[in-house]
Protein backbone atom coordinates (compact mmCIF):
# COMPACT_ATOMS: atom_id res chain seq x y z
CA MET A 1 232.50 -9.19 18.19
CA LEU A 2 233.92 -5.63 19.21
CA VAL A 3 231.10 -3.19 19.25
CA ALA A 4 232.08 -0.46 21.59
CA PRO A 5 233.20 2.86 20.19
CA GLY A 6 237.19 2.91 20.25
CA SER A 7 237.68 -0.98 20.99
CA LEU A 8 239.06 -1.86 17.91
CA ASN A 9 241.28 1.39 17.44
CA GLY A 10 242.43 0.36 21.13
CA LEU A 11 243.03 -3.18 20.17
CA LEU A 12 245.12 -2.11 16.86
CA GLN A 13 247.04 0.29 18.87
CA SER A 14 248.04 -2.31 21.33
CA LEU A 15 248.90 -4.68 18.44
CA ALA A 16 250.98 -1.97 16.76
CA LYS A 17 253.30 -2.04 19.84
CA PHE A 18 254.80 -5.46 18.21
CA SER A 19 255.25 -3.96 14.56
CA GLU A 20 258.13 -1.91 13.79
CA LYS A 21 256.62 -0.70 10.64
CA LEU A 22 253.48 0.29 11.87
CA ARG A 23 255.24 2.30 14.73
CA VAL A 24 257.10 4.27 11.88
CA VAL A 25 253.85 4.80 10.08
CA GLU A 26 252.15 5.97 13.13
CA ALA A 27 255.23 8.35 14.08
CA VAL A 28 255.04 9.88 10.77
CA ARG A 29 251.07 10.16 11.05
CA ILE A 30 251.34 12.02 14.35
CA HIS A 31 254.49 13.95 14.20
CA GLY A 32 254.58 14.49 10.48
CA ILE A 33 258.08 13.39 9.87
CA ALA A 34 259.33 13.10 6.11
CA THR A 35 262.20 11.54 4.77
CA ARG A 36 264.62 13.11 2.66
CA SER A 37 266.22 10.03 1.17
CA SER A 38 266.65 6.42 1.87
CA LYS A 39 269.06 3.91 1.20
CA VAL A 40 268.78 -0.03 0.72
CA TRP A 41 271.18 -1.61 2.97
CA GLU A 42 271.73 -5.02 1.27
CA PRO A 43 273.16 -8.11 3.10
CA ALA A 44 276.37 -8.18 1.38
CA LEU A 45 277.30 -4.57 2.31
CA ILE A 46 276.20 -5.40 6.06
CA PHE A 47 278.37 -8.44 6.12
CA ASP A 48 281.20 -6.57 4.65
CA ARG A 49 280.91 -3.72 7.07
CA LEU A 50 280.62 -6.22 10.12
CA TRP A 51 283.80 -8.26 8.96
CA GLU A 52 285.72 -5.10 8.55
CA ASN A 53 284.76 -3.69 11.52
CA GLN A 54 285.55 -6.75 13.76
CA GLY A 55 289.05 -6.83 12.37
CA LEU A 56 288.32 -10.52 10.77
CA PRO A 57 290.74 -9.93 7.92
CA GLU A 58 293.60 -9.50 10.05
CA VAL A 59 292.62 -12.40 12.35
CA ILE A 60 292.51 -14.83 9.57
CA ARG A 61 295.94 -13.73 8.24
CA ARG A 62 297.31 -14.11 11.51
CA LEU A 63 295.83 -17.48 12.04
CA ALA A 64 296.97 -18.45 8.67
CA HIS A 65 300.80 -17.18 9.34
CA HIS A 66 300.71 -19.20 12.49
CA LYS A 67 299.42 -22.25 10.65
CA ILE A 68 302.18 -22.03 7.59
CA ALA A 69 304.98 -21.04 10.63
CA GLY A 70 304.03 -24.17 12.10
CA LEU A 71 304.29 -26.38 9.14
CA ASN A 72 308.06 -25.16 8.82
CA ILE A 73 307.50 -24.34 5.04
């Protein structure tokens, strides 16, 4: 049992290092950070951006072209 003054707070602060959400909450509490807006990033949007940024559509087109050319169609 934690009975010494501040022991529980110290433990919680140590554990908060492993939580992204708690770090944000703590930063807001200490620094008074406020947001103006927020956006929801859905998996489909993120996947689409990664797909395009990596040039995957062009890679697939080239591979398909080489595959079709190799079949002499």
